[in-house]
Each structure stands twice: as C-alpha cells, then as structure tokens.
C-alpha cells in the first residue's frame, strides 16, 4: 500500500473530505442550536371567539421550546390544539425569526347530552358554553349522523319558523325531536326527512288551524299523522227521549 502513491492520495483525499464534513456538521449543529437564532415574533391568526389571549400566552411561555431551527412544529401544533376551543392549528416558520400560527376554532352547533359539545363536523369536544344549543342524544358513534340530521331537519322546518331544541336517535335508528321545547314529534325509522317534509307541507292547513294546544305529533303513518290534544274532551252522545207508548185499551165485553 505504501508503494502505491495513487492509493495513498485517494485515502488522504477521503480523510480530508470526512474531516471537512465533520467540521461542517459541527458548525451547522452549533449554528442551529445557537441562541443567535431565537424566535423573536409569534403571529397568531384566526377567527378567535372563545380562545383568550391569556391561554395563548400560556402556551407560548410554557410549551414552546427551542430556537428558530430546533422548535418542534408538530409538538407546537399539538400544544395549541390542547386548548378547549381549538380544533386545528397550522404552524410555519418565517425567516429569520418569525413563527406563524393559524388557529381554527370549533363552532358549537349542539350539545351531546350533558357531557360534551358538537361542532359542525360532528366532532365532540370538551368546552364550556352558555349558548342555548339543541341537545342531541343517541348511541355512541352516531354524533356525525345526528349532526347531519339536525342540519337537514333545521332546513326542512324553516318554513314554519320553528327550530328543533332536542333530537333523539334510538338504538333501532328511530328518530324523534322536540320543537321549541313545546311539541314532541315522533318520526320513526323509515324516510324520516320525507315524513317531516309532508308534515311541514300539511301544517298550515291542518294543525295551524286548531283552536286548542297540542303537544305530540306522530308521523309514523303512511298517509298522514296523529295529534295528541291534551285539552280535548269528547262530546257525549245525547240521548233522545222516546215517545211514550200508548196503552192499548182493553176490549169491553158487551152484556146481554
């Protein structure tokens, strides 16, 4: 080997390249982890109605660790998404010292029983809200189906200017809902939207003309619906007096 200058030159060049590569890596490592590249500005964008400035500052102060190069963007996104009303976060670096955070909040459209809130995508999340929202109750895993049903039901009922305040879905997938906390409507399993559409169409010329309140409607009929009238009193049939029967006079026997 020592008698082969070309091979020795090749080995020397290889060692030199490795040394330069290690030097470059060391310098790059020091530069990346150097405090000379801190994040000086964090810009938070998004239509934030529930997430407070104090919550954002807490995450920035206690969770964000690292320099412009070493900050873990995935962990940063997850840290912001831990906030109650935050649904999704996008995080980007902007050279030389800026971090951009775009936040999408949940938009609550219903309550899932008494345990959680539901957004417009049928996703459950835990947050506090004083807003008056419809209540949905159904089997576990049917949140998205029920949110879609609520949205469709709200559209169909719009001509009546009435809104569903509670919606149920049974284990057998039968629907039932409450209107304005006053009227209970039994829909059933088959063609629920079509049944409600027929009900809305018939309402102005039927139920709207009743002179007494009603609190229950059953739509589970092929050609109509039934109504419960709490104050309804059936009219008893009047008894017609029969005319008195005239006594038949006895025949008189003529005497001789």
Protein backbone atom coordinates (compact mmCIF):
# COMPACT_ATOMS: atom_id res chain seq x y z
CA UNK A 1 0.00 0.00 0.00
CA UNK A 2 2.82 2.39 0.92
CA UNK A 3 4.32 1.80 -2.52
CA UNK A 4 1.13 2.97 -4.24
CA UNK A 5 1.09 6.76 -4.21
CA UNK A 6 -2.21 6.98 -6.07
CA UNK A 7 -3.97 4.87 -3.46
CA UNK A 8 -2.41 6.87 -0.67
CA UNK A 9 -3.56 10.08 -2.36
CA UNK A 10 -7.08 8.70 -2.62
CA UNK A 11 -7.11 7.76 1.07
CA UNK A 12 -5.74 11.17 2.04
CA UNK A 13 -8.43 12.92 0.00
CA UNK A 14 -11.11 10.74 1.60
CA UNK A 15 -9.90 11.53 5.10
CA UNK A 16 -9.75 15.22 4.24
CA UNK A 17 -13.33 15.11 2.92
CA UNK A 18 -14.53 13.34 6.04
CA UNK A 19 -12.79 15.89 8.24
CA UNK A 20 -14.35 18.76 6.32
CA UNK A 21 -17.75 17.08 6.51
CA UNK A 22 -17.43 16.64 10.28
CA UNK A 23 -16.33 20.24 10.63
CA UNK A 24 -19.26 21.44 8.55
CA UNK A 25 -21.67 19.32 10.61
CA UNK A 26 -20.22 20.68 13.86
CA UNK A 27 -20.53 24.26 12.68
CA UNK A 28 -24.07 23.63 11.46
CA UNK A 29 -25.02 22.00 14.78
CA UNK A 30 -23.63 24.96 16.72
CA UNK A 31 -25.41 27.43 14.45
CA UNK A 32 -28.75 25.62 14.70
CA UNK A 33 -28.61 25.41 18.49
CA UNK A 34 -27.06 28.82 18.91
CA UNK A 35 -29.03 31.49 20.80
CA UNK A 36 -28.17 33.76 17.92
CA UNK A 37 -31.31 32.46 16.11
CA UNK A 38 -34.17 32.87 18.59
CA UNK A 39 -37.82 33.23 17.63
CA UNK A 40 -38.49 36.88 18.24
CA UNK A 41 -42.02 37.18 16.86
CA UNK A 42 -45.05 34.87 17.06
CA UNK A 43 -48.06 35.84 14.95
CA UNK A 44 -51.41 34.19 15.76
CA UNK A 45 -54.17 34.38 13.15
CA UNK A 46 -57.71 33.04 13.11
CA UNK A 47 -61.27 33.98 13.92
CA UNK A 48 -60.99 33.50 17.67
CA UNK A 49 -64.24 33.93 19.58
CA UNK A 50 -63.53 31.73 22.61
CA UNK A 51 -59.76 31.27 22.86
CA UNK A 52 -58.36 34.00 25.09
CA UNK A 53 -55.13 35.93 24.90
CA UNK A 54 -54.12 34.53 28.29
CA UNK A 55 -54.48 30.95 27.05
CA UNK A 56 -52.30 31.67 24.01
CA UNK A 57 -49.66 33.39 26.13
CA UNK A 58 -49.58 30.43 28.50
CA UNK A 59 -48.83 28.01 25.65
CA UNK A 60 -46.18 30.33 24.18
CA UNK A 61 -44.45 30.86 27.50
CA UNK A 62 -44.57 27.32 28.90
CA UNK A 63 -44.68 24.96 25.92
CA UNK A 64 -42.65 26.48 23.09
CA UNK A 65 -39.00 25.45 23.49
CA UNK A 66 -36.14 25.86 21.05
CA UNK A 67 -34.67 28.24 18.51
CA UNK A 68 -35.86 29.11 15.03
CA UNK A 69 -34.30 25.88 13.73
CA UNK A 70 -34.90 23.48 16.62
CA UNK A 71 -38.51 24.27 17.52
CA UNK A 72 -40.62 21.14 17.05
CA UNK A 73 -43.51 22.27 14.83
CA UNK A 74 -45.54 19.09 15.39
CA UNK A 75 -45.35 19.43 19.16
CA UNK A 76 -46.11 23.14 18.90
CA UNK A 77 -49.25 22.38 16.89
CA UNK A 78 -50.34 19.76 19.42
CA UNK A 79 -49.72 22.15 22.33
CA UNK A 80 -52.08 24.74 20.85
CA UNK A 81 -54.67 22.08 19.99
CA UNK A 82 -54.92 21.16 23.68
CA UNK A 83 -56.84 24.39 24.28
CA UNK A 84 -60.57 23.64 24.71
CA UNK A 85 -61.97 25.55 21.74
CA UNK A 86 -59.12 24.93 19.30
CA UNK A 87 -59.93 22.43 16.55
CA UNK A 88 -56.96 22.63 14.20
CA UNK A 89 -53.64 24.53 14.07
CA UNK A 90 -51.12 25.23 11.31
CA UNK A 91 -47.61 26.35 12.26
CA UNK A 92 -44.99 27.80 9.88
CA UNK A 93 -41.52 29.31 10.23
CA UNK A 94 -40.77 32.61 8.51
CA UNK A 95 -37.14 33.57 8.13
CA UNK A 96 -35.32 34.91 10.00
CA UNK A 97 -37.09 34.92 13.39
CA UNK A 98 -40.86 34.63 12.95
CA UNK A 99 -43.39 31.90 13.76
CA UNK A 100 -46.86 31.98 12.22
CA UNK A 101 -49.71 30.17 13.97
CA UNK A 102 -53.10 29.85 12.28
CA UNK A 103 -55.91 28.60 14.53
CA UNK A 104 -59.32 27.22 13.59
CA UNK A 105 -61.81 27.12 16.44
CA UNK A 106 -64.67 24.72 16.95
CA UNK A 107 -68.09 26.11 16.08
CA UNK A 108 -70.52 24.55 18.50
CA UNK A 109 -73.92 23.76 16.99
CA UNK A 110 -75.29 21.27 19.54
CA UNK A 111 -74.74 19.57 22.86
CA UNK A 112 -74.07 15.86 23.11
CA UNK A 113 -76.28 15.03 26.06
CA UNK A 114 -74.82 16.71 29.11
CA UNK A 115 -71.23 15.60 28.56
CA UNK A 116 -69.80 17.49 25.58
CA UNK A 117 -70.32 19.85 22.66
CA UNK A 118 -70.54 19.02 18.95
CA UNK A 119 -69.16 21.10 16.10
CA UNK A 120 -70.48 21.35 12.55
CA UNK A 121 -68.40 18.31 11.53
CA UNK A 122 -69.98 16.06 14.14
CA UNK A 123 -66.84 16.09 16.29
CA UNK A 124 -67.10 16.05 20.07
CA UNK A 125 -65.06 18.44 22.19
CA UNK A 126 -64.99 19.45 25.83
CA UNK A 127 -65.55 23.12 26.48
CA UNK A 128 -67.83 25.40 28.47
CA UNK A 129 -70.59 27.35 26.75
CA UNK A 130 -73.59 29.35 27.96
CA UNK A 131 -75.09 29.43 24.48
CA UNK A 132 -78.57 27.96 24.00
CA UNK A 133 -77.93 24.94 21.79
CA UNK A 134 -80.07 21.98 20.71
CA UNK A 135 -79.40 18.75 22.60
CA UNK A 136 -78.62 15.53 20.72
CA UNK A 137 -78.89 12.10 22.31
CA UNK A 138 -78.09 8.86 20.54
CA UNK A 139 -75.90 5.74 20.52
CA UNK A 140 -72.15 6.15 20.84
CA UNK A 141 -70.55 6.80 17.47
CA UNK A 142 -73.60 8.43 15.84
CA UNK A 143 -72.52 12.01 16.50
CA UNK A 144 -71.83 12.83 12.84
CA UNK A 145 -75.09 11.21 11.68
CA UNK A 146 -77.08 13.16 14.23
CA UNK A 147 -75.42 16.48 13.39
CA UNK A 148 -76.22 15.92 9.71
CA UNK A 149 -79.78 15.05 10.69
CA UNK A 150 -80.07 18.20 12.79
CA UNK A 151 -78.81 20.39 9.95
CA UNK A 152 -81.20 18.81 7.45
CA UNK A 153 -84.10 18.98 9.91
CA UNK A 154 -83.46 22.67 10.58
CA UNK A 155 -83.63 23.38 6.83
CA UNK A 156 -86.89 21.45 6.38
CA UNK A 157 -88.57 23.18 9.35
CA UNK A 158 -87.52 26.68 8.26
CA UNK A 159 -90.90 27.47 6.55
CA UNK A 160 -92.64 27.02 9.93
CA UNK A 161 -90.22 29.39 11.69
CA UNK A 162 -89.68 26.73 14.33
CA UNK A 163 -86.46 25.06 15.41
CA UNK A 164 -85.62 21.68 16.90
CA UNK A 165 -84.47 22.03 20.52
CA UNK A 166 -83.76 18.35 21.15
CA UNK A 167 -83.18 15.38 18.89
CA UNK A 168 -83.12 11.67 19.78
CA UNK A 169 -81.93 8.63 17.85
CA UNK A 170 -82.76 5.23 19.32
CA UNK A 171 -80.69 2.05 19.12
CA UNK A 172 -83.06 0.93 16.34
CA UNK A 173 -82.29 4.18 14.47
CA UNK A 174 -85.73 5.68 15.04
CA UNK A 175 -85.85 9.48 15.14
CA UNK A 176 -87.75 11.78 17.48
CA UNK A 177 -87.40 15.51 18.04
CA UNK A 178 -88.78 18.40 20.07
CA UNK A 179 -89.80 21.76 18.62
CA UNK A 180 -89.23 24.93 20.63
CA UNK A 181 -89.42 22.92 23.90
CA UNK A 182 -93.16 22.56 23.32
CA UNK A 183 -94.03 19.96 20.70
CA UNK A 184 -92.79 16.37 20.61
CA UNK A 185 -92.67 14.83 17.13
CA UNK A 186 -92.30 11.08 16.64
CA UNK A 187 -90.74 10.36 13.24
CA UNK A 188 -89.66 6.71 13.24
CA UNK A 189 -87.11 4.89 11.10
CA UNK A 190 -88.43 4.91 7.55
CA UNK A 191 -87.89 8.01 5.36
CA UNK A 192 -87.60 10.45 8.27
CA UNK A 193 -86.93 13.57 6.19
CA UNK A 194 -89.74 12.79 3.76
CA UNK A 195 -92.16 12.39 6.66
CA UNK A 196 -91.13 15.73 8.16
CA UNK A 197 -91.48 17.39 4.75
CA UNK A 198 -95.06 16.11 4.46
CA UNK A 199 -95.74 17.35 7.97
CA UNK A 200 -94.40 20.83 7.16
CA UNK A 201 -96.44 20.97 3.96
CA UNK A 202 -99.69 19.96 5.71
CA UNK A 203 -99.16 22.05 8.85
CA UNK A 204 -100.60 25.43 7.64
CA UNK A 205 -103.92 23.89 6.60
CA UNK A 206 -104.31 21.46 9.48
CA UNK A 207 -102.56 21.86 12.82
CA UNK A 208 -102.17 25.62 12.47
CA UNK A 209 -105.98 25.93 12.36
CA UNK A 210 -106.64 24.08 15.59
CA UNK A 211 -108.22 26.18 18.32
CA UNK A 212 -106.56 24.29 21.16
CA UNK A 213 -102.94 23.44 22.01
CA UNK A 214 -101.30 20.14 21.13
CA UNK A 215 -98.03 18.70 22.42
CA UNK A 216 -97.45 15.47 20.48
CA UNK A 217 -97.50 14.52 16.81
CA UNK A 218 -96.89 11.03 15.45
CA UNK A 219 -95.67 10.92 11.83
CA UNK A 220 -95.38 7.13 11.64
CA UNK A 221 -98.34 6.77 9.32
CA UNK A 222 -98.11 6.19 5.57
CA UNK A 223 -100.78 8.74 4.62
CA UNK A 224 -100.99 11.19 7.50
CA UNK A 225 -100.19 11.79 11.14
CA UNK A 226 -101.83 11.64 14.55
CA UNK A 227 -102.10 14.50 17.04
CA UNK A 228 -102.49 14.44 20.80
CA UNK A 229 -104.74 17.17 22.20
CA UNK A 230 -104.33 17.42 26.00
CA UNK A 231 -107.44 19.55 26.45
CA UNK A 232 -109.64 17.57 24.12
CA UNK A 233 -112.90 16.42 25.75
CA UNK A 234 -115.01 14.05 23.67
CA UNK A 235 -118.64 15.09 23.28
CA UNK A 236 -121.01 12.53 24.70
CA UNK A 237 -123.89 11.39 22.52
CA UNK A 238 -127.16 12.96 23.64
CA UNK A 239 -129.91 10.52 24.47
CA UNK A 240 -133.11 11.16 22.53
CA UNK A 241 -136.25 10.62 24.64
CA UNK A 242 -138.50 8.00 23.21
CA UNK A 243 -142.19 8.94 22.89
CA UNK A 244 -144.40 7.25 25.50
CA UNK A 245 -146.14 4.10 24.34
CA UNK A 246 -149.90 4.48 24.40
CA UNK A 247 -151.66 1.77 26.38
CA UNK A 248 -153.90 -0.41 24.29
CA UNK A 249 -157.40 -0.20 25.62
CA UNK A 250 -158.99 -3.43 26.72
CA UNK A 251 -161.92 -4.66 24.70
CA UNK A 252 -165.17 -4.35 26.53
CA UNK A 253 -167.45 -7.34 26.50
CA UNK A 254 -170.99 -6.36 25.71
CA UNK A 255 -173.53 -7.58 28.19
CA UNK A 256 -176.62 -9.35 27.09
